[in-house]
Amino acid sequence: MLKISHLEFTHKDAKHSYTYTMNLEEKEIVGILGESGSGKSTFLDLVAGFSTSSSGSIELDTQVLTQMSVEKRPITILFQSHNLFEHLTVQKNVLLGVSKVLKENIEDVNKVQGILKEVGLEEYEHTQVSKLSGGQQQRVALARVLIRREPILLLDEPFSGLDIATRLEMLDLVQTITIENKIHTIMVTHDIEDCKRIANHVYKMQNNTLVEQ
């Protein structure tokens, strides 16, 4: 279980603070709703370790994550901007999830091929990313974060720029991957329909507090 207890973040101006409490079992998806500037992305920053809370805790089973550095947390995150290298092939982009210097070995290449099969891109392994559609590029980005096989996946509105049909395909893919890989997935979105489609639980930022709906 991922257990987030009374996590609090206070802005430097000290005019207001955010409070977050949430529990999430493996194979589950939580949807986070809220207006722009309500504190949704701040929550992801705290969980990922990009920002530091003033109080509270983050625990994964018996492991305390709160004081861990970013690189040691068992977390991957997918942003709206996929940050792919369009001049590189699909394989090279996904390999960047495990090696910053793109050193290829049989084990990593086999991992890439397995991940690409999961996201439906096995036929595009050696295709240049710039030649892919927007939806296919987001699949590459998802494959790159999944190759690390971390138990927590954070989604910061990564599919909002896609057409409806492609977005629904990506949401369904996230749900399948979450269940099959026993992941704890937290999805920030502005669209309640995303939550209705795949979320097991829905929370909303209300008066600077994360409230279950």
N, C-alpha and C. Protein backbone atom coordinates (compact mmCIF):
# COMPACT_ATOMS: atom_id res chain seq x y z
N MET A 1 0.83 -1.21 0.00
CA MET A 1 0.00 0.00 0.00
C MET A 1 0.86 1.26 0.00
N LEU A 2 0.45 2.25 -0.79
CA LEU A 2 1.06 3.57 -0.75
C LEU A 2 0.23 4.42 0.21
N LYS A 3 0.87 4.89 1.26
CA LYS A 3 0.16 5.63 2.31
C LYS A 3 0.76 7.03 2.44
N ILE A 4 -0.05 8.04 2.15
CA ILE A 4 0.38 9.44 2.25
C ILE A 4 -0.43 10.07 3.37
N SER A 5 0.26 10.47 4.43
CA SER A 5 -0.41 10.91 5.65
C SER A 5 -0.09 12.35 6.00
N HIS A 6 -1.10 13.21 5.95
CA HIS A 6 -1.01 14.60 6.41
C HIS A 6 0.23 15.30 5.85
N LEU A 7 0.46 15.10 4.57
CA LEU A 7 1.58 15.74 3.91
C LEU A 7 1.25 17.21 3.71
N GLU A 8 2.12 18.08 4.17
CA GLU A 8 1.83 19.52 4.11
C GLU A 8 2.95 20.26 3.41
N PHE A 9 2.55 21.20 2.57
CA PHE A 9 3.51 22.04 1.87
C PHE A 9 3.08 23.49 2.02
N THR A 10 4.00 24.32 2.47
CA THR A 10 3.72 25.75 2.66
C THR A 10 4.55 26.56 1.68
N HIS A 11 3.90 27.46 0.96
CA HIS A 11 4.61 28.32 0.02
C HIS A 11 5.55 29.26 0.76
N LYS A 12 6.56 29.71 0.03
CA LYS A 12 7.54 30.62 0.64
C LYS A 12 6.91 31.90 1.14
N ASP A 13 5.83 32.34 0.46
CA ASP A 13 5.17 33.57 0.90
C ASP A 13 4.34 33.34 2.16
N ALA A 14 4.18 32.03 2.53
CA ALA A 14 3.47 31.64 3.77
C ALA A 14 2.01 32.09 3.81
N LYS A 15 1.47 32.47 2.65
CA LYS A 15 0.07 32.92 2.63
C LYS A 15 -0.90 31.75 2.69
N HIS A 16 -0.47 30.60 2.19
CA HIS A 16 -1.34 29.42 2.28
C HIS A 16 -0.50 28.15 2.19
N SER A 17 -1.09 27.05 2.63
CA SER A 17 -0.42 25.76 2.56
C SER A 17 -1.38 24.70 2.04
N TYR A 18 -0.83 23.62 1.51
CA TYR A 18 -1.62 22.50 1.00
C TYR A 18 -1.47 21.31 1.93
N THR A 19 -2.55 20.53 2.06
CA THR A 19 -2.51 19.32 2.88
C THR A 19 -3.03 18.15 2.06
N TYR A 20 -2.28 17.02 2.14
CA TYR A 20 -2.63 15.85 1.34
C TYR A 20 -2.62 14.58 2.19
N THR A 21 -3.71 13.82 2.13
CA THR A 21 -3.79 12.50 2.75
C THR A 21 -4.46 11.55 1.77
N MET A 22 -3.85 10.37 1.57
CA MET A 22 -4.38 9.45 0.56
C MET A 22 -3.78 8.07 0.76
N ASN A 23 -4.59 7.02 0.56
CA ASN A 23 -4.11 5.65 0.56
C ASN A 23 -4.41 5.01 -0.78
N LEU A 24 -3.49 4.16 -1.25
CA LEU A 24 -3.64 3.56 -2.57
C LEU A 24 -3.03 2.16 -2.58
N GLU A 25 -3.83 1.16 -2.94
CA GLU A 25 -3.36 -0.21 -3.04
C GLU A 25 -2.69 -0.42 -4.40
N GLU A 26 -1.85 -1.46 -4.49
CA GLU A 26 -1.28 -1.82 -5.79
C GLU A 26 -2.41 -2.24 -6.74
N LYS A 27 -2.17 -2.05 -8.02
CA LYS A 27 -3.14 -2.31 -9.08
C LYS A 27 -4.26 -1.28 -9.13
N GLU A 28 -4.15 -0.21 -8.33
CA GLU A 28 -5.20 0.82 -8.31
C GLU A 28 -4.72 2.13 -8.92
N ILE A 29 -5.71 2.89 -9.41
CA ILE A 29 -5.45 4.21 -9.99
C ILE A 29 -6.26 5.24 -9.23
N VAL A 30 -5.60 6.31 -8.84
CA VAL A 30 -6.27 7.44 -8.20
C VAL A 30 -6.28 8.61 -9.17
N GLY A 31 -7.44 9.22 -9.35
CA GLY A 31 -7.55 10.41 -10.16
C GLY A 31 -7.59 11.64 -9.27
N ILE A 32 -6.81 12.67 -9.63
CA ILE A 32 -6.75 13.91 -8.86
C ILE A 32 -7.31 15.05 -9.73
N LEU A 33 -8.40 15.65 -9.27
CA LEU A 33 -9.04 16.76 -9.97
C LEU A 33 -8.79 18.07 -9.23
N GLY A 34 -8.99 19.18 -9.94
CA GLY A 34 -8.85 20.49 -9.31
C GLY A 34 -8.59 21.56 -10.34
N GLU A 35 -8.90 22.78 -9.97
CA GLU A 35 -8.65 23.91 -10.86
C GLU A 35 -7.15 24.15 -11.02
N SER A 36 -6.79 24.88 -12.06
CA SER A 36 -5.39 25.26 -12.26
C SER A 36 -4.91 26.06 -11.05
N GLY A 37 -3.74 25.71 -10.53
CA GLY A 37 -3.20 26.42 -9.38
C GLY A 37 -3.75 25.95 -8.04
N SER A 38 -4.54 24.88 -8.06
CA SER A 38 -5.16 24.41 -6.81
C SER A 38 -4.23 23.55 -5.96
N GLY A 39 -3.11 23.08 -6.56
CA GLY A 39 -2.16 22.28 -5.80
C GLY A 39 -2.00 20.85 -6.28
N LYS A 40 -2.58 20.52 -7.43
CA LYS A 40 -2.49 19.15 -7.97
C LYS A 40 -1.04 18.78 -8.30
N SER A 41 -0.39 19.62 -9.09
CA SER A 41 0.98 19.33 -9.51
C SER A 41 1.95 19.42 -8.33
N THR A 42 1.64 20.29 -7.38
CA THR A 42 2.47 20.36 -6.16
C THR A 42 2.47 19.02 -5.45
N PHE A 43 1.33 18.35 -5.43
CA PHE A 43 1.22 17.04 -4.81
C PHE A 43 2.16 16.04 -5.49
N LEU A 44 2.15 16.02 -6.81
CA LEU A 44 3.06 15.12 -7.53
C LEU A 44 4.51 15.46 -7.25
N ASP A 45 4.83 16.75 -7.17
CA ASP A 45 6.20 17.17 -6.87
C ASP A 45 6.65 16.65 -5.49
N LEU A 46 5.73 16.66 -4.54
CA LEU A 46 6.05 16.17 -3.19
C LEU A 46 6.28 14.66 -3.19
N VAL A 47 5.40 13.94 -3.89
CA VAL A 47 5.54 12.49 -3.94
C VAL A 47 6.82 12.10 -4.67
N ALA A 48 7.14 12.80 -5.76
CA ALA A 48 8.34 12.49 -6.53
C ALA A 48 9.62 12.93 -5.83
N GLY A 49 9.50 13.91 -4.91
CA GLY A 49 10.67 14.42 -4.21
C GLY A 49 11.24 15.69 -4.79
N PHE A 50 10.55 16.28 -5.79
CA PHE A 50 11.02 17.54 -6.36
C PHE A 50 10.83 18.70 -5.38
N SER A 51 9.83 18.58 -4.50
CA SER A 51 9.59 19.56 -3.45
C SER A 51 9.61 18.85 -2.10
N THR A 52 9.83 19.61 -1.04
CA THR A 52 9.94 19.03 0.30
C THR A 52 8.77 19.47 1.16
N SER A 53 8.13 18.51 1.81
CA SER A 53 7.00 18.82 2.68
C SER A 53 7.49 19.36 4.03
N SER A 54 6.65 20.15 4.68
CA SER A 54 7.00 20.67 6.00
C SER A 54 6.62 19.69 7.09
N SER A 55 5.70 18.76 6.78
CA SER A 55 5.32 17.73 7.74
C SER A 55 4.61 16.60 6.99
N GLY A 56 4.34 15.51 7.70
CA GLY A 56 3.65 14.39 7.10
C GLY A 56 4.61 13.33 6.58
N SER A 57 4.06 12.25 6.00
CA SER A 57 4.90 11.14 5.56
C SER A 57 4.35 10.48 4.30
N ILE A 58 5.27 9.83 3.58
CA ILE A 58 4.94 9.01 2.41
C ILE A 58 5.56 7.65 2.65
N GLU A 59 4.74 6.60 2.65
CA GLU A 59 5.23 5.25 2.90
C GLU A 59 4.72 4.30 1.83
N LEU A 60 5.61 3.44 1.36
CA LEU A 60 5.24 2.36 0.45
C LEU A 60 5.49 1.05 1.18
N ASP A 61 4.40 0.41 1.60
CA ASP A 61 4.51 -0.77 2.46
C ASP A 61 5.32 -0.40 3.71
N THR A 62 6.48 -0.99 3.90
CA THR A 62 7.28 -0.67 5.10
C THR A 62 8.39 0.35 4.80
N GLN A 63 8.44 0.84 3.59
CA GLN A 63 9.49 1.75 3.17
C GLN A 63 9.05 3.20 3.29
N VAL A 64 9.81 4.00 4.03
CA VAL A 64 9.50 5.43 4.19
C VAL A 64 10.21 6.21 3.09
N LEU A 65 9.43 6.93 2.28
CA LEU A 65 9.99 7.65 1.14
C LEU A 65 10.24 9.13 1.41
N THR A 66 9.66 9.64 2.47
CA THR A 66 9.63 11.09 2.69
C THR A 66 11.00 11.75 2.63
N GLN A 67 12.01 11.14 3.22
CA GLN A 67 13.33 11.75 3.27
C GLN A 67 14.27 11.26 2.17
N MET A 68 13.76 10.42 1.29
CA MET A 68 14.60 9.91 0.19
C MET A 68 14.84 10.98 -0.86
N SER A 69 16.00 10.93 -1.49
CA SER A 69 16.28 11.83 -2.60
C SER A 69 15.49 11.39 -3.82
N VAL A 70 15.37 12.30 -4.79
CA VAL A 70 14.57 12.03 -5.99
C VAL A 70 15.01 10.74 -6.68
N GLU A 71 16.33 10.59 -6.87
CA GLU A 71 16.82 9.46 -7.66
C GLU A 71 16.64 8.11 -6.96
N LYS A 72 16.43 8.13 -5.65
CA LYS A 72 16.27 6.86 -4.92
C LYS A 72 14.82 6.45 -4.72
N ARG A 73 13.89 7.35 -5.02
CA ARG A 73 12.48 7.00 -4.82
C ARG A 73 12.01 6.03 -5.90
N PRO A 74 11.22 5.03 -5.55
CA PRO A 74 10.75 4.01 -6.50
C PRO A 74 9.58 4.53 -7.34
N ILE A 75 9.86 5.60 -8.08
CA ILE A 75 8.80 6.36 -8.76
C ILE A 75 9.22 6.70 -10.17
N THR A 76 8.26 6.65 -11.10
CA THR A 76 8.46 7.22 -12.43
C THR A 76 7.32 8.19 -12.69
N ILE A 77 7.58 9.17 -13.55
CA ILE A 77 6.57 10.20 -13.80
C ILE A 77 6.50 10.50 -15.29
N LEU A 78 5.28 10.66 -15.79
CA LEU A 78 5.04 10.99 -17.19
C LEU A 78 4.33 12.33 -17.25
N PHE A 79 4.98 13.30 -17.92
CA PHE A 79 4.45 14.65 -18.02
C PHE A 79 3.68 14.82 -19.33
N GLN A 80 2.98 15.95 -19.43
CA GLN A 80 2.27 16.28 -20.66
C GLN A 80 3.25 16.44 -21.81
N SER A 81 4.40 17.06 -21.52
CA SER A 81 5.47 17.17 -22.52
C SER A 81 6.32 15.92 -22.43
N HIS A 82 6.31 15.11 -23.50
CA HIS A 82 6.95 13.80 -23.40
C HIS A 82 8.47 13.84 -23.44
N ASN A 83 9.07 14.96 -23.89
CA ASN A 83 10.53 15.12 -23.88
C ASN A 83 11.26 14.00 -24.60
N LEU A 84 10.75 13.59 -25.74
CA LEU A 84 11.43 12.59 -26.54
C LEU A 84 12.48 13.24 -27.44
N PHE A 85 13.46 12.45 -27.84
CA PHE A 85 14.46 12.90 -28.81
C PHE A 85 13.99 12.42 -30.18
N GLU A 86 13.41 13.34 -30.95
CA GLU A 86 12.73 12.95 -32.19
C GLU A 86 13.68 12.47 -33.28
N HIS A 87 14.98 12.79 -33.17
CA HIS A 87 15.93 12.33 -34.18
C HIS A 87 16.41 10.91 -33.90
N LEU A 88 16.07 10.37 -32.71
CA LEU A 88 16.46 9.02 -32.36
C LEU A 88 15.33 8.03 -32.63
N THR A 89 15.68 6.76 -32.70
CA THR A 89 14.67 5.73 -32.92
C THR A 89 13.87 5.49 -31.64
N VAL A 90 12.78 4.75 -31.79
CA VAL A 90 11.96 4.36 -30.64
C VAL A 90 12.82 3.59 -29.64
N GLN A 91 13.59 2.65 -30.12
CA GLN A 91 14.44 1.84 -29.23
C GLN A 91 15.39 2.73 -28.42
N LYS A 92 16.06 3.66 -29.09
CA LYS A 92 17.03 4.54 -28.41
C LYS A 92 16.34 5.38 -27.35
N ASN A 93 15.16 5.91 -27.65
CA ASN A 93 14.43 6.72 -26.68
C ASN A 93 14.06 5.92 -25.45
N VAL A 94 13.61 4.69 -25.65
CA VAL A 94 13.22 3.86 -24.51
C VAL A 94 14.45 3.44 -23.71
N LEU A 95 15.55 3.18 -24.39
CA LEU A 95 16.80 2.82 -23.70
C LEU A 95 17.26 3.92 -22.75
N LEU A 96 16.90 5.16 -23.07
CA LEU A 96 17.28 6.27 -22.18
C LEU A 96 16.64 6.14 -20.81
N GLY A 97 15.61 5.29 -20.69
CA GLY A 97 15.01 5.04 -19.39
C GLY A 97 15.90 4.24 -18.47
N VAL A 98 16.89 3.54 -19.04
CA VAL A 98 17.79 2.73 -18.22
C VAL A 98 19.25 3.14 -18.36
N SER A 99 19.59 3.90 -19.41
CA SER A 99 20.97 4.29 -19.62
C SER A 99 21.04 5.66 -20.28
N LYS A 100 21.69 6.61 -19.62
CA LYS A 100 21.80 7.95 -20.16
C LYS A 100 22.81 8.03 -21.31
N VAL A 101 23.68 7.04 -21.42
CA VAL A 101 24.71 7.07 -22.46
C VAL A 101 24.39 6.09 -23.60
N LEU A 102 23.19 5.51 -23.55
CA LEU A 102 22.72 4.62 -24.61
C LEU A 102 23.65 3.45 -24.88
N LYS A 103 24.21 2.90 -23.81
CA LYS A 103 25.01 1.68 -23.97
C LYS A 103 24.08 0.50 -24.13
N GLU A 104 24.15 -0.12 -25.29
CA GLU A 104 23.25 -1.24 -25.57
C GLU A 104 23.86 -2.55 -25.10
N ASN A 105 23.05 -3.35 -24.44
CA ASN A 105 23.43 -4.73 -24.15
C ASN A 105 22.20 -5.59 -24.39
N ILE A 106 22.42 -6.87 -24.50
CA ILE A 106 21.33 -7.78 -24.86
C ILE A 106 20.19 -7.72 -23.86
N GLU A 107 20.53 -7.63 -22.57
CA GLU A 107 19.50 -7.60 -21.54
C GLU A 107 18.60 -6.38 -21.68
N ASP A 108 19.21 -5.20 -21.88
CA ASP A 108 18.41 -3.98 -22.00
C ASP A 108 17.59 -3.97 -23.29
N VAL A 109 18.18 -4.44 -24.37
CA VAL A 109 17.44 -4.50 -25.64
C VAL A 109 16.24 -5.43 -25.51
N ASN A 110 16.42 -6.55 -24.83
CA ASN A 110 15.30 -7.47 -24.59
C ASN A 110 14.21 -6.80 -23.76
N LYS A 111 14.63 -6.00 -22.76
CA LYS A 111 13.66 -5.26 -21.94
C LYS A 111 12.86 -4.29 -22.80
N VAL A 112 13.58 -3.57 -23.68
CA VAL A 112 12.91 -2.61 -24.56
C VAL A 112 11.89 -3.31 -25.45
N GLN A 113 12.28 -4.43 -26.02
CA GLN A 113 11.37 -5.17 -26.90
C GLN A 113 10.13 -5.64 -26.14
N GLY A 114 10.32 -6.06 -24.89
CA GLY A 114 9.19 -6.49 -24.07
C GLY A 114 8.24 -5.35 -23.76
N ILE A 115 8.81 -4.18 -23.43
CA ILE A 115 8.00 -3.00 -23.12
C ILE A 115 7.24 -2.52 -24.36
N LEU A 116 7.92 -2.51 -25.50
CA LEU A 116 7.27 -2.06 -26.74
C LEU A 116 6.11 -2.96 -27.11
N LYS A 117 6.23 -4.23 -26.80
CA LYS A 117 5.12 -5.14 -27.05
C LYS A 117 3.94 -4.80 -26.15
N GLU A 118 4.23 -4.44 -24.90
CA GLU A 118 3.17 -4.07 -23.95
C GLU A 118 2.38 -2.86 -24.44
N VAL A 119 3.09 -1.88 -25.01
CA VAL A 119 2.42 -0.64 -25.43
C VAL A 119 2.03 -0.66 -26.90
N GLY A 120 2.20 -1.80 -27.57
CA GLY A 120 1.75 -1.93 -28.94
C GLY A 120 2.62 -1.27 -29.99
N LEU A 121 3.93 -1.19 -29.72
CA LEU A 121 4.83 -0.53 -30.66
C LEU A 121 5.98 -1.43 -31.11
N GLU A 122 5.81 -2.75 -30.98
CA GLU A 122 6.91 -3.65 -31.32
C GLU A 122 7.35 -3.53 -32.77
N GLU A 123 6.44 -3.11 -33.66
CA GLU A 123 6.79 -2.98 -35.07
C GLU A 123 7.55 -1.69 -35.38
N TYR A 124 7.64 -0.80 -34.38
CA TYR A 124 8.26 0.51 -34.60
C TYR A 124 9.60 0.67 -33.88
N GLU A 125 10.17 -0.43 -33.43
CA GLU A 125 11.39 -0.36 -32.60
C GLU A 125 12.49 0.47 -33.25
N HIS A 126 12.68 0.34 -34.56
CA HIS A 126 13.79 1.03 -35.23
C HIS A 126 13.30 2.22 -36.07
N THR A 127 12.08 2.68 -35.77
CA THR A 127 11.53 3.85 -36.47
C THR A 127 11.93 5.13 -35.76
N GLN A 128 12.27 6.15 -36.51
CA GLN A 128 12.60 7.45 -35.93
C GLN A 128 11.34 8.06 -35.31
N VAL A 129 11.47 8.58 -34.11
CA VAL A 129 10.31 9.08 -33.37
C VAL A 129 9.57 10.19 -34.12
N SER A 130 10.29 11.01 -34.85
CA SER A 130 9.65 12.11 -35.57
C SER A 130 8.65 11.62 -36.62
N LYS A 131 8.72 10.36 -36.99
CA LYS A 131 7.82 9.81 -38.01
C LYS A 131 6.56 9.20 -37.39
N LEU A 132 6.44 9.25 -36.07
CA LEU A 132 5.29 8.66 -35.39
C LEU A 132 4.19 9.70 -35.18
N SER A 133 2.97 9.22 -34.97
CA SER A 133 1.86 10.11 -34.63
C SER A 133 1.99 10.57 -33.19
N GLY A 134 1.17 11.55 -32.79
CA GLY A 134 1.21 12.04 -31.41
C GLY A 134 0.91 10.95 -30.40
N GLY A 135 -0.08 10.13 -30.70
CA GLY A 135 -0.43 9.04 -29.80
C GLY A 135 0.67 8.01 -29.68
N GLN A 136 1.32 7.71 -30.81
CA GLN A 136 2.43 6.76 -30.78
C GLN A 136 3.61 7.32 -29.99
N GLN A 137 3.85 8.61 -30.11
CA GLN A 137 4.94 9.23 -29.35
C GLN A 137 4.67 9.15 -27.85
N GLN A 138 3.41 9.32 -27.45
CA GLN A 138 3.08 9.19 -26.03
C GLN A 138 3.25 7.76 -25.56
N ARG A 139 3.03 6.80 -26.43
CA ARG A 139 3.28 5.39 -26.09
C ARG A 139 4.78 5.16 -25.86
N VAL A 140 5.60 5.80 -26.68
CA VAL A 140 7.05 5.71 -26.49
C VAL A 140 7.45 6.30 -25.13
N ALA A 141 6.88 7.46 -24.82
CA ALA A 141 7.18 8.10 -23.54
C ALA A 141 6.75 7.22 -22.37
N LEU A 142 5.59 6.58 -22.50
CA LEU A 142 5.11 5.68 -21.46
C LEU A 142 6.03 4.48 -21.34
N ALA A 143 6.45 3.94 -22.47
CA ALA A 143 7.38 2.80 -22.46
C ALA A 143 8.68 3.16 -21.76
N ARG A 144 9.15 4.39 -21.98
CA ARG A 144 10.43 4.81 -21.39
C ARG A 144 10.35 4.88 -19.87
N VAL A 145 9.22 5.30 -19.32
CA VAL A 145 9.11 5.34 -17.85
C VAL A 145 8.83 3.96 -17.28
N LEU A 146 8.14 3.12 -18.05
CA LEU A 146 7.78 1.79 -17.54
C LEU A 146 8.96 0.83 -17.52
N ILE A 147 9.97 1.08 -18.33
CA ILE A 147 11.08 0.13 -18.41
C ILE A 147 11.83 0.01 -17.08
N ARG A 148 11.70 1.01 -16.23
CA ARG A 148 12.36 0.95 -14.93
C ARG A 148 11.61 0.08 -13.93
N ARG A 149 10.34 -0.25 -14.25
CA ARG A 149 9.54 -1.16 -13.42
C ARG A 149 9.43 -0.68 -11.97
N GLU A 150 9.22 0.60 -11.78
CA GLU A 150 9.03 1.13 -10.44
C GLU A 150 7.58 0.91 -10.00
N PRO A 151 7.33 0.76 -8.70
CA PRO A 151 5.98 0.45 -8.22
C PRO A 151 5.02 1.63 -8.16
N ILE A 152 5.52 2.85 -8.35
CA ILE A 152 4.66 4.04 -8.32
C ILE A 152 4.79 4.79 -9.64
N LEU A 153 3.66 5.07 -10.27
CA LEU A 153 3.62 5.81 -11.53
C LEU A 153 2.81 7.07 -11.35
N LEU A 154 3.41 8.21 -11.68
CA LEU A 154 2.73 9.51 -11.58
C LEU A 154 2.46 10.03 -12.99
N LEU A 155 1.23 10.46 -13.23
CA LEU A 155 0.83 10.98 -14.53
C LEU A 155 0.36 12.42 -14.36
N ASP A 156 1.06 13.37 -14.99
CA ASP A 156 0.70 14.78 -14.88
C ASP A 156 0.07 15.25 -16.19
N GLU A 157 -1.21 14.93 -16.37
CA GLU A 157 -1.99 15.28 -17.57
C GLU A 157 -1.25 14.96 -18.87
N PRO A 158 -0.70 13.75 -19.01
CA PRO A 158 0.11 13.46 -20.19
C PRO A 158 -0.67 13.29 -21.48
N PHE A 159 -1.99 13.09 -21.39
CA PHE A 159 -2.77 12.79 -22.59
C PHE A 159 -3.73 13.91 -22.98
N SER A 160 -3.62 15.04 -22.34
CA SER A 160 -4.59 16.12 -22.56
C SER A 160 -4.50 16.72 -23.96
N GLY A 161 -3.36 16.59 -24.63
CA GLY A 161 -3.20 17.16 -25.95
C GLY A 161 -3.59 16.23 -27.08
N LEU A 162 -4.05 15.03 -26.73
CA LEU A 162 -4.40 14.04 -27.74
C LEU A 162 -5.87 14.14 -28.13
N ASP A 163 -6.22 13.62 -29.31
CA ASP A 163 -7.62 13.57 -29.69
C ASP A 163 -8.35 12.56 -28.80
N ILE A 164 -9.65 12.62 -28.77
CA ILE A 164 -10.43 11.83 -27.82
C ILE A 164 -10.18 10.34 -27.96
N ALA A 165 -10.22 9.84 -29.18
CA ALA A 165 -10.05 8.40 -29.40
C ALA A 165 -8.68 7.92 -28.92
N THR A 166 -7.63 8.70 -29.23
CA THR A 166 -6.28 8.32 -28.83
C THR A 166 -6.12 8.41 -27.32
N ARG A 167 -6.72 9.45 -26.72
CA ARG A 167 -6.64 9.60 -25.26
C ARG A 167 -7.28 8.41 -24.55
N LEU A 168 -8.43 7.97 -25.04
CA LEU A 168 -9.10 6.83 -24.43
C LEU A 168 -8.26 5.57 -24.56
N GLU A 169 -7.60 5.40 -25.70
CA GLU A 169 -6.71 4.26 -25.88
C GLU A 169 -5.57 4.29 -24.87
N MET A 170 -5.02 5.47 -24.64
CA MET A 170 -3.90 5.61 -23.70
C MET A 170 -4.35 5.36 -22.27
N LEU A 171 -5.54 5.85 -21.92
CA LEU A 171 -6.07 5.63 -20.59
C LEU A 171 -6.28 4.13 -20.33
N ASP A 172 -6.84 3.45 -21.30
CA ASP A 172 -7.07 2.01 -21.17
C ASP A 172 -5.74 1.27 -21.05
N LEU A 173 -4.73 1.74 -21.78
CA LEU A 173 -3.41 1.12 -21.71
C LEU A 173 -2.81 1.30 -20.32
N VAL A 174 -2.93 2.49 -19.76
CA VAL A 174 -2.44 2.74 -18.41
C VAL A 174 -3.13 1.82 -17.39
N GLN A 175 -4.43 1.65 -17.55
CA GLN A 175 -5.17 0.77 -16.64
C GLN A 175 -4.66 -0.66 -16.73
N THR A 176 -4.48 -1.14 -17.94
CA THR A 176 -3.99 -2.51 -18.14
C THR A 176 -2.60 -2.69 -17.53
N ILE A 177 -1.71 -1.74 -17.80
CA ILE A 177 -0.34 -1.83 -17.30
C ILE A 177 -0.31 -1.75 -15.78
N THR A 178 -1.15 -0.89 -15.21
CA THR A 178 -1.23 -0.76 -13.75
C THR A 178 -1.60 -2.09 -13.10
N ILE A 179 -2.59 -2.75 -13.66
CA ILE A 179 -3.06 -4.02 -13.10
C ILE A 179 -2.03 -5.13 -13.32
N GLU A 180 -1.54 -5.26 -14.54
CA GLU A 180 -0.63 -6.37 -14.86
C GLU A 180 0.70 -6.27 -14.13
N ASN A 181 1.16 -5.03 -13.86
CA ASN A 181 2.46 -4.84 -13.21
C ASN A 181 2.35 -4.47 -11.74
N LYS A 182 1.12 -4.51 -11.20
CA LYS A 182 0.88 -4.24 -9.77
C LYS A 182 1.43 -2.88 -9.35
N ILE A 183 1.11 -1.86 -10.15
CA ILE A 183 1.61 -0.51 -9.92
C ILE A 183 0.60 0.29 -9.10
N HIS A 184 1.09 1.30 -8.38
CA HIS A 184 0.24 2.31 -7.74
C HIS A 184 0.28 3.54 -8.65
N THR A 185 -0.82 3.88 -9.29
CA THR A 185 -0.83 4.98 -10.26
C THR A 185 -1.63 6.17 -9.75
N ILE A 186 -1.01 7.35 -9.80
CA ILE A 186 -1.68 8.61 -9.44
C ILE A 186 -1.76 9.47 -10.69
N MET A 187 -2.95 9.84 -11.07
CA MET A 187 -3.19 10.57 -12.33
C MET A 187 -3.80 11.94 -12.03
N VAL A 188 -3.07 12.99 -12.34
CA VAL A 188 -3.60 14.35 -12.26
C VAL A 188 -4.27 14.67 -13.59
N THR A 189 -5.50 15.14 -13.53
CA THR A 189 -6.23 15.46 -14.76
C THR A 189 -7.21 16.59 -14.50
N HIS A 190 -7.58 17.30 -15.57
CA HIS A 190 -8.61 18.33 -15.46
C HIS A 190 -9.96 17.80 -15.92
N ASP A 191 -9.97 16.55 -16.41
CA ASP A 191 -11.15 15.99 -17.04
C ASP A 191 -11.72 14.85 -16.20
N ILE A 192 -12.90 15.05 -15.64
CA ILE A 192 -13.52 14.04 -14.80
C ILE A 192 -13.82 12.76 -15.58
N GLU A 193 -13.97 12.87 -16.90
CA GLU A 193 -14.24 11.68 -17.70
C GLU A 193 -13.06 10.72 -17.68
N ASP A 194 -11.83 11.26 -17.59
CA ASP A 194 -10.65 10.40 -17.44
C ASP A 194 -10.77 9.56 -16.18
N CYS A 195 -11.21 10.20 -15.11
CA CYS A 195 -11.36 9.51 -13.82
C CYS A 195 -12.46 8.44 -13.90
N LYS A 196 -13.57 8.81 -14.52
CA LYS A 196 -14.68 7.86 -14.64
C LYS A 196 -14.27 6.62 -15.41
N ARG A 197 -13.36 6.79 -16.35
CA ARG A 197 -12.98 5.67 -17.21
C ARG A 197 -12.07 4.67 -16.49
N ILE A 198 -11.07 5.15 -15.73
CA ILE A 198 -10.09 4.20 -15.20
C ILE A 198 -9.78 4.32 -13.70
N ALA A 199 -10.24 5.37 -13.03
CA ALA A 199 -9.83 5.57 -11.64
C ALA A 199 -10.64 4.71 -10.67
N ASN A 200 -9.93 4.09 -9.72
CA ASN A 200 -10.59 3.36 -8.63
C ASN A 200 -11.08 4.32 -7.55
N HIS A 201 -10.37 5.42 -7.38
CA HIS A 201 -10.72 6.44 -6.40
C HIS A 201 -10.49 7.81 -7.03
N VAL A 202 -11.30 8.77 -6.63
CA VAL A 202 -11.16 10.13 -7.15
C VAL A 202 -11.05 11.11 -5.98
N TYR A 203 -10.05 11.99 -6.07
CA TYR A 203 -9.86 13.04 -5.08
C TYR A 203 -9.92 14.39 -5.79
N LYS A 204 -10.26 15.41 -5.03
CA LYS A 204 -10.29 16.76 -5.60
C LYS A 204 -9.67 17.73 -4.62
N MET A 205 -8.93 18.69 -5.16
CA MET A 205 -8.36 19.75 -4.33
C MET A 205 -9.46 20.76 -4.00
N GLN A 206 -9.78 20.85 -2.72
CA GLN A 206 -10.80 21.78 -2.24
C GLN A 206 -10.25 22.57 -1.06
N ASN A 207 -10.23 23.89 -1.18
CA ASN A 207 -9.71 24.75 -0.10
C ASN A 207 -8.31 24.31 0.33
N ASN A 208 -7.46 24.02 -0.69
CA ASN A 208 -6.06 23.66 -0.47
C ASN A 208 -5.88 22.30 0.21
N THR A 209 -6.92 21.48 0.20
CA THR A 209 -6.85 20.16 0.83
C THR A 209 -7.32 19.09 -0.15
N LEU A 210 -6.64 17.95 -0.15
CA LEU A 210 -7.02 16.85 -1.00
C LEU A 210 -8.16 16.09 -0.35
N VAL A 211 -9.30 16.05 -1.02
CA VAL A 211 -10.53 15.48 -0.44
C VAL A 211 -11.04 14.35 -1.34
N GLU A 212 -11.31 13.18 -0.76
CA GLU A 212 -11.85 12.07 -1.54
C GLU A 212 -13.30 12.35 -1.89
N GLN A 213 -13.65 12.04 -3.14
CA GLN A 213 -15.01 12.32 -3.62
C GLN A 213 -15.91 11.11 -3.44
